[in-house]
Amino acid sequence: MATPIYIIEEKRLRRNLKLIADVAAKADIEIILAFKAFALWKTFPIFREYIKATTASSLSEARLAFEEFGAPAHTFSPAYTDDEIDEIISCSSHLTFNSLSQYERYHQRAAGLSIGLRVNPEYSEVGTLLYNPCAPGTRFGVTADKLPERLPEDIEGFHCHCHCESGADVFQRTLVHIEDKFAKWFPQLKWINFGGGHLMTRKDYDVDLLISMMQDFHKRYPWLKVILEPGSAFAWQTGPLVSHVVDVVEDKGIKTAILDVSFTCHMPDCLEMPYFPDVRGAEHVDLEKATEPLTYRLGGNSCLSGDFMGSWRFAHALQEGDEVIFEDMIHYTTVKTNTFNGISHPSIGMLHEDGTLEILRRFSYEDYRNRMD
């Protein structure tokens, strides 16, 4: 198999979609796909069997929703601009503003859409500040003290995003703060969007708790439509990134297997979050064990000095040509890849339920060159 390549497994994707559709039906909520985590439009025919809408955060994502998914987007952006707002509106069904000033500037042009306002409950359990939308000094959302007692007539919904790959128990605790801060405005609304980060397809996620929470929420506020817009949950554990060893180098007793992929180009969340990905057939070990036998740091093939992760203990000594497979590398990877250093994107393949591998996309020099136009 030519590498590197992302392989999406249709069976696993459908498993996630079935679970999400089941949760939506039992909880009487709408769950939509957030493009920021997954936007491979050639898989949209499968998605459309299970969900009806998507969420966008830019003009390009809104166009992708409208033109490729076939339904107008639920759109939120930290800041809309004069040269894009009208086209975004034409591709959207819902438009959420991040601030009251943005609302004042553009709401009249969005007449006919369902208009929302992002709110900030000033509470989040996301530990990594880079991913915490409610961290002190955040640029996201309006706090309760800045809202008027009576909302403008055309504001129909609140958008509240507080999670990142979180469990239902975290949502349960967060919901208390959301209601405490904003419930007095709920009678003026038609919908509430609780954002993304609800990792309901993870094995340890308490799906029953989520369903019961939403059922109870409906009893308290029966007029409110509830929307969730996870990204990772859709593509969670749906396939790996397959790479090969290109060379093995050693310094100060630390062996580094240089691969035909790059962490900074192809797996940026590993460096940003940071977290250690699962490597098939290998055990992640502490850095003090980096010089032990059969232990390797994994290095990317860019010129960035920090383009590496480590360390993993393998069952055998690594050699040029050996396969190294990173598990669960579909969400927040294909949407974040870049061509730093002119390094090519991995190909993208779909492993169908019948066992056939379809190559959805191969990348070339032209893809790099065209980014520089």
Protein backbone atom coordinates (compact mmCIF):
# COMPACT_ATOMS: atom_id res chain seq x y z
CA MET A 1 0.00 0.00 0.00
CA ALA A 2 1.33 3.43 -0.97
CA THR A 3 1.69 5.62 2.10
CA PRO A 4 1.08 7.83 3.85
CA ILE A 5 -2.69 7.40 3.72
CA TYR A 6 -5.68 8.10 5.92
CA ILE A 7 -8.11 5.17 5.78
CA ILE A 8 -11.74 5.78 6.74
CA GLU A 9 -13.54 2.56 7.58
CA GLU A 10 -17.14 2.67 6.41
CA LYS A 11 -18.28 0.07 8.94
CA ARG A 12 -16.99 2.12 11.86
CA LEU A 13 -18.35 5.35 10.42
CA ARG A 14 -21.82 3.86 10.07
CA ARG A 15 -21.60 2.50 13.61
CA ASN A 16 -21.04 6.04 14.90
CA LEU A 17 -23.77 7.50 12.72
CA LYS A 18 -26.30 4.91 13.86
CA LEU A 19 -25.53 5.63 17.52
CA ILE A 20 -25.81 9.39 16.97
CA ALA A 21 -29.10 9.03 15.09
CA ASP A 22 -30.44 6.80 17.87
CA VAL A 23 -29.49 9.34 20.56
CA ALA A 24 -31.12 12.14 18.58
CA ALA A 25 -34.36 10.19 18.23
CA LYS A 26 -34.56 9.08 21.88
CA ALA A 27 -33.60 12.48 23.26
CA ASP A 28 -35.77 14.40 20.75
CA ILE A 29 -32.89 16.64 19.73
CA GLU A 30 -31.07 17.45 16.49
CA ILE A 31 -27.43 16.41 16.17
CA ILE A 32 -25.51 17.94 13.28
CA LEU A 33 -21.96 17.54 11.95
CA ALA A 34 -19.36 20.20 12.74
CA PHE A 35 -17.07 20.61 9.73
CA LYS A 36 -14.22 21.89 11.89
CA ALA A 37 -13.49 18.27 12.85
CA PHE A 38 -14.50 16.42 9.68
CA ALA A 39 -15.33 17.74 6.21
CA LEU A 40 -14.62 14.95 3.73
CA TRP A 41 -17.44 15.72 1.33
CA LYS A 42 -17.13 12.46 -0.62
CA THR A 43 -18.54 10.71 2.47
CA PHE A 44 -21.58 13.00 2.68
CA PRO A 45 -23.92 10.55 0.89
CA ILE A 46 -23.43 8.23 3.87
CA PHE A 47 -23.97 11.04 6.39
CA ARG A 48 -27.19 12.13 4.72
CA GLU A 49 -28.70 8.73 5.55
CA TYR A 50 -28.49 9.63 9.24
CA ILE A 51 -28.43 13.43 9.73
CA LYS A 52 -30.05 16.40 8.01
CA ALA A 53 -27.73 19.35 8.60
CA THR A 54 -24.21 20.55 9.36
CA THR A 55 -22.54 23.45 11.10
CA ALA A 56 -20.11 25.89 9.51
CA SER A 57 -17.71 28.53 10.83
CA SER A 58 -16.60 30.20 7.61
CA LEU A 59 -17.73 31.00 4.09
CA SER A 60 -15.98 27.94 2.68
CA GLU A 61 -17.64 25.64 5.22
CA ALA A 62 -21.03 27.24 4.61
CA ARG A 63 -20.64 26.69 0.87
CA LEU A 64 -19.60 23.09 1.49
CA ALA A 65 -22.78 22.57 3.52
CA PHE A 66 -25.00 24.14 0.91
CA GLU A 67 -23.35 22.84 -2.25
CA GLU A 68 -22.05 19.41 -1.23
CA PHE A 69 -24.13 18.32 1.76
CA GLY A 70 -27.23 19.72 0.13
CA ALA A 71 -28.65 21.67 3.06
CA PRO A 72 -28.08 25.21 4.35
CA ALA A 73 -25.68 25.45 7.27
CA HIS A 74 -26.05 26.37 10.92
CA THR A 75 -23.33 29.00 10.81
CA PHE A 76 -21.31 30.61 13.58
CA SER A 77 -18.20 32.73 13.16
CA PRO A 78 -16.26 34.77 15.72
CA ALA A 79 -16.50 37.68 13.28
CA TYR A 80 -18.25 38.10 9.94
CA THR A 81 -16.89 40.52 7.35
CA ASP A 82 -18.56 42.84 4.85
CA ASP A 83 -17.18 41.02 1.83
CA GLU A 84 -18.41 37.56 2.94
CA ILE A 85 -21.53 38.02 5.04
CA ASP A 86 -24.07 38.09 2.19
CA GLU A 87 -22.75 34.88 0.60
CA ILE A 88 -22.65 33.20 4.01
CA ILE A 89 -26.28 34.19 4.55
CA SER A 90 -27.24 32.72 1.19
CA CYS A 91 -25.78 29.35 2.28
CA SER A 92 -27.21 29.29 5.81
CA SER A 93 -30.44 28.51 7.64
CA HIS A 94 -29.19 29.64 11.06
CA LEU A 95 -26.75 32.47 11.70
CA THR A 96 -25.23 32.93 15.16
CA PHE A 97 -23.43 36.11 16.17
CA ASN A 98 -20.52 36.10 18.60
CA SER A 99 -21.17 39.58 19.96
CA LEU A 100 -23.91 42.17 20.22
CA SER A 101 -21.86 44.53 18.03
CA GLN A 102 -21.73 41.93 15.23
CA TYR A 103 -25.45 41.40 15.66
CA GLU A 104 -26.14 45.13 15.33
CA ARG A 105 -23.97 45.38 12.24
CA TYR A 106 -25.41 42.47 10.25
CA HIS A 107 -28.74 41.22 11.61
CA GLN A 108 -30.90 43.18 9.17
CA ARG A 109 -29.04 41.63 6.24
CA ALA A 110 -29.79 38.18 7.71
CA ALA A 111 -33.55 38.73 7.79
CA GLY A 112 -35.29 35.45 6.99
CA LEU A 113 -32.70 33.32 8.75
CA SER A 114 -33.01 32.01 12.28
CA ILE A 115 -30.69 34.32 14.20
CA GLY A 116 -28.79 33.27 17.30
CA LEU A 117 -26.38 34.74 19.80
CA ARG A 118 -23.42 32.94 21.30
CA VAL A 119 -23.40 33.14 25.08
CA ASN A 120 -20.64 32.42 27.59
CA PRO A 121 -21.63 30.72 30.88
CA GLU A 122 -18.14 31.41 32.27
CA TYR A 123 -17.76 27.74 33.14
CA SER A 124 -15.92 24.94 31.34
CA GLU A 125 -14.03 21.86 32.50
CA VAL A 126 -11.75 21.79 29.46
CA GLY A 127 -8.28 21.57 30.98
CA THR A 128 -6.17 22.69 28.02
CA LEU A 129 -6.51 26.47 27.67
CA LEU A 130 -5.92 26.29 23.92
CA TYR A 131 -9.24 24.43 23.64
CA ASN A 132 -11.18 26.12 26.44
CA PRO A 133 -13.78 28.52 24.99
CA CYS A 134 -14.69 29.88 28.42
CA ALA A 135 -11.18 30.65 29.67
CA PRO A 136 -10.69 34.10 31.22
CA GLY A 137 -10.33 36.72 28.50
CA THR A 138 -12.02 34.50 25.92
CA ARG A 139 -13.08 36.01 22.59
CA PHE A 140 -16.16 33.77 22.46
CA GLY A 141 -19.67 34.71 23.46
CA VAL A 142 -21.65 37.24 25.48
CA THR A 143 -21.78 36.92 29.26
CA ALA A 144 -25.11 37.20 31.07
CA ASP A 145 -24.28 40.59 32.58
CA LYS A 146 -24.05 42.10 29.08
CA LEU A 147 -27.43 40.87 27.84
CA PRO A 148 -30.48 43.16 27.85
CA GLU A 149 -33.48 42.00 29.86
CA ARG A 150 -35.47 41.87 26.66
CA LEU A 151 -33.67 40.37 23.68
CA PRO A 152 -34.10 41.87 20.22
CA GLU A 153 -37.17 40.38 18.55
CA ASP A 154 -35.27 38.56 15.81
CA ILE A 155 -32.92 36.63 18.13
CA GLU A 156 -34.39 33.13 18.22
CA GLY A 157 -31.64 31.06 19.80
CA PHE A 158 -28.61 30.83 22.06
CA HIS A 159 -25.43 28.99 21.12
CA CYS A 160 -23.28 27.79 24.02
CA HIS A 161 -20.08 25.79 23.45
CA CYS A 162 -18.16 24.65 26.54
CA HIS A 163 -16.80 21.15 25.84
CA CYS A 164 -13.94 19.29 24.17
CA GLU A 165 -14.20 15.50 23.85
CA SER A 166 -16.16 15.56 27.11
CA GLY A 167 -18.43 13.06 28.84
CA ALA A 168 -22.12 13.35 29.67
CA ASP A 169 -21.24 13.94 33.32
CA VAL A 170 -19.32 17.08 32.32
CA PHE A 171 -22.32 18.25 30.29
CA GLN A 172 -24.55 17.58 33.29
CA ARG A 173 -22.44 19.84 35.51
CA THR A 174 -22.09 22.48 32.80
CA LEU A 175 -25.82 22.56 32.14
CA VAL A 176 -26.41 23.68 35.71
CA HIS A 177 -24.30 26.78 35.05
CA ILE A 178 -25.90 27.44 31.67
CA GLU A 179 -29.39 27.37 33.15
CA ASP A 180 -28.35 29.41 36.17
CA LYS A 181 -26.92 32.13 33.94
CA PHE A 182 -29.37 32.17 31.04
CA ALA A 183 -32.65 30.38 31.81
CA LYS A 184 -34.48 33.65 32.39
CA TRP A 185 -34.08 34.39 28.66
CA PHE A 186 -35.27 30.94 27.52
CA PRO A 187 -38.96 32.01 27.24
CA GLN A 188 -37.82 34.47 24.54
CA LEU A 189 -36.09 31.77 22.45
CA LYS A 190 -37.03 29.01 20.02
CA TRP A 191 -33.84 26.95 20.15
CA ILE A 192 -30.61 26.38 22.04
CA ASN A 193 -27.43 24.93 20.58
CA PHE A 194 -25.17 23.27 23.16
CA GLY A 195 -22.24 23.17 20.75
CA GLY A 196 -19.74 20.40 20.22
CA GLY A 197 -17.40 18.31 22.31
CA HIS A 198 -20.05 15.72 23.27
CA LEU A 199 -18.06 12.55 22.62
CA MET A 200 -21.02 10.19 22.65
CA THR A 201 -19.35 7.53 20.48
CA ARG A 202 -16.51 6.97 22.93
CA LYS A 203 -16.82 3.61 24.72
CA ASP A 204 -17.03 5.07 28.23
CA TYR A 205 -19.53 7.82 27.34
CA ASP A 206 -22.78 7.57 29.33
CA VAL A 207 -25.27 7.77 26.47
CA ASP A 208 -28.23 7.01 28.75
CA LEU A 209 -27.33 9.97 30.96
CA LEU A 210 -27.24 12.29 27.94
CA ILE A 211 -30.64 11.07 26.77
CA SER A 212 -32.24 11.41 30.21
CA MET A 213 -30.72 14.90 30.65
CA MET A 214 -32.21 16.07 27.37
CA GLN A 215 -35.58 14.49 28.15
CA ASP A 216 -35.64 16.31 31.49
CA PHE A 217 -34.56 19.54 29.79
CA HIS A 218 -37.53 19.24 27.42
CA LYS A 219 -39.86 18.87 30.40
CA ARG A 220 -38.53 22.13 31.85
CA TYR A 221 -38.48 24.01 28.53
CA PRO A 222 -40.80 22.16 26.11
CA TRP A 223 -40.79 24.98 23.53
CA LEU A 224 -37.01 24.92 23.02
CA LYS A 225 -35.52 22.89 20.18
CA VAL A 226 -32.17 21.44 21.28
CA ILE A 227 -29.21 21.15 18.91
CA LEU A 228 -25.84 19.48 19.45
CA GLU A 229 -23.04 19.85 16.92
CA PRO A 230 -20.20 17.46 17.73
CA GLY A 231 -17.35 16.89 15.32
CA SER A 232 -15.10 14.24 16.83
CA ALA A 233 -18.04 12.02 17.80
CA PHE A 234 -18.87 11.38 14.15
CA ALA A 235 -15.36 10.34 13.10
CA TRP A 236 -14.17 8.88 16.42
CA GLN A 237 -12.23 5.63 15.96
CA THR A 238 -13.17 5.43 12.28
CA GLY A 239 -9.73 4.76 10.88
CA PRO A 240 -5.94 5.15 11.03
CA LEU A 241 -3.15 7.06 9.38
CA VAL A 242 -0.77 4.53 7.83
CA SER A 243 2.90 5.47 7.41
CA HIS A 244 6.27 3.80 6.80
CA VAL A 245 9.71 4.11 8.35
CA VAL A 246 12.07 5.98 6.04
CA ASP A 247 15.18 5.92 8.22
CA VAL A 248 16.36 5.25 11.77
CA VAL A 249 18.83 7.66 13.40
CA GLU A 250 20.37 7.71 16.88
CA ASP A 251 21.72 10.40 19.18
CA LYS A 252 22.67 10.12 22.87
CA GLY A 253 21.23 6.64 22.94
CA ILE A 254 17.81 7.80 21.66
CA LYS A 255 16.74 6.12 18.44
CA THR A 256 14.33 8.04 16.20
CA ALA A 257 12.35 6.35 13.46
CA ILE A 258 11.82 8.98 10.77
CA LEU A 259 8.50 8.43 9.01
CA ASP A 260 6.96 9.53 5.72
CA VAL A 261 4.43 11.62 7.67
CA SER A 262 4.76 14.76 9.75
CA PHE A 263 3.20 15.57 13.10
CA THR A 264 3.20 19.30 12.44
CA CYS A 265 1.73 18.85 8.95
CA HIS A 266 -0.57 15.85 9.34
CA MET A 267 -1.27 15.38 13.07
CA PRO A 268 -1.03 18.90 14.51
CA ASP A 269 -3.29 18.19 17.50
CA CYS A 270 -0.63 15.79 18.81
CA LEU A 271 1.63 18.82 19.27
CA GLU A 272 -1.05 21.41 20.12
CA MET A 273 -3.18 19.49 22.64
CA PRO A 274 -0.76 17.76 23.32
CA TYR A 275 -1.54 14.05 23.40
CA PHE A 276 0.14 10.80 22.45
CA PRO A 277 -1.64 8.86 19.71
CA ASP A 278 -2.07 5.10 19.87
CA VAL A 279 0.38 3.27 17.65
CA ARG A 280 -0.68 -0.19 16.54
CA GLY A 281 1.53 -2.92 17.96
CA ALA A 282 3.52 -0.54 20.16
CA GLU A 283 3.44 0.59 23.78
CA HIS A 284 3.89 4.23 24.71
CA VAL A 285 6.53 4.55 27.46
CA ASP A 286 7.86 7.36 29.65
CA LEU A 287 10.74 9.49 28.37
CA GLU A 288 13.17 8.07 30.92
CA LYS A 289 12.82 4.74 29.11
CA ALA A 290 13.66 6.26 25.73
CA THR A 291 17.06 4.52 25.53
CA GLU A 292 15.75 1.04 26.33
CA PRO A 293 15.89 -1.72 23.70
CA LEU A 294 13.24 -1.67 20.92
CA THR A 295 12.19 1.82 21.99
CA TYR A 296 11.91 4.62 19.42
CA ARG A 297 10.98 8.21 19.20
CA LEU A 298 8.78 8.76 16.13
CA GLY A 299 9.95 11.64 13.95
CA GLY A 300 8.19 13.49 11.17
CA ASN A 301 9.80 14.33 7.85
CA SER A 302 9.63 18.13 8.06
CA CYS A 303 12.48 20.46 8.98
CA LEU A 304 10.80 21.59 12.21
CA SER A 305 13.04 20.46 15.05
CA GLY A 306 10.06 19.60 17.24
CA ASP A 307 8.35 17.46 14.61
CA PHE A 308 8.52 14.30 16.72
CA MET A 309 6.70 12.35 19.42
CA GLY A 310 8.11 9.77 21.77
CA SER A 311 8.67 7.18 22.96
CA TRP A 312 7.18 3.82 21.92
CA ARG A 313 8.38 0.30 22.55
CA PHE A 314 7.88 -2.02 19.60
CA ALA A 315 7.88 -5.82 19.44
CA HIS A 316 10.84 -5.80 17.05
CA ALA A 317 13.59 -3.51 15.85
CA LEU A 318 12.31 -0.97 13.32
CA GLN A 319 13.85 -0.90 9.88
CA GLU A 320 13.39 1.13 6.74
CA GLY A 321 10.10 0.14 5.08
CA ASP A 322 8.35 -1.03 8.25
CA GLU A 323 4.74 0.05 8.64
CA VAL A 324 3.78 2.37 11.49
CA ILE A 325 0.03 2.83 11.97
CA PHE A 326 -1.45 5.68 14.02
CA GLU A 327 -4.92 4.75 15.27
CA ASP A 328 -7.95 7.07 15.28
CA MET A 329 -6.54 9.70 12.95
CA ILE A 330 -9.57 10.86 10.96
CA HIS A 331 -11.06 13.65 13.11
CA TYR A 332 -9.17 16.95 13.37
CA THR A 333 -6.47 15.72 10.99
CA THR A 334 -7.68 15.78 7.40
CA VAL A 335 -9.17 19.23 8.07
CA LYS A 336 -5.92 20.54 9.59
CA THR A 337 -3.24 19.18 7.29
CA ASN A 338 -0.95 21.77 5.75
CA THR A 339 1.83 21.86 3.18
CA PHE A 340 4.55 23.34 5.39
CA ASN A 341 7.93 22.46 3.91
CA GLY A 342 6.17 21.34 0.72
CA ILE A 343 5.37 18.00 2.32
CA SER A 344 2.53 16.26 0.52
CA HIS A 345 -0.75 15.47 2.20
CA PRO A 346 -1.40 11.79 2.86
CA SER A 347 -3.83 10.20 0.44
CA ILE A 348 -7.38 9.60 1.64
CA GLY A 349 -9.02 6.20 1.26
CA MET A 350 -12.35 4.64 2.16
CA LEU A 351 -12.37 1.01 3.30
CA HIS A 352 -15.85 -0.14 2.31
CA GLU A 353 -17.86 -2.72 4.18
CA ASP A 354 -17.16 -5.28 1.45
CA GLY A 355 -13.40 -4.96 2.10
CA THR A 356 -12.51 -2.91 -0.99
CA LEU A 357 -10.31 0.17 -0.60
CA GLU A 358 -11.38 3.18 -2.65
CA ILE A 359 -8.89 6.03 -3.00
CA LEU A 360 -10.93 9.19 -2.51
CA ARG A 361 -8.05 11.58 -3.13
CA ARG A 362 -4.35 11.64 -3.95
CA PHE A 363 -2.36 14.83 -3.59
CA SER A 364 0.40 16.14 -5.83
CA TYR A 365 2.85 18.97 -6.41
CA GLU A 366 0.03 20.97 -8.00
CA ASP A 367 -1.85 21.03 -4.67
CA TYR A 368 1.19 22.63 -3.03
CA ARG A 369 1.87 25.00 -5.94
CA ASN A 370 -1.74 26.18 -6.13
CA ARG A 371 -1.69 27.23 -2.46
CA MET A 372 1.04 29.70 -3.38
CA ASP A 373 -0.94 31.34 -6.23
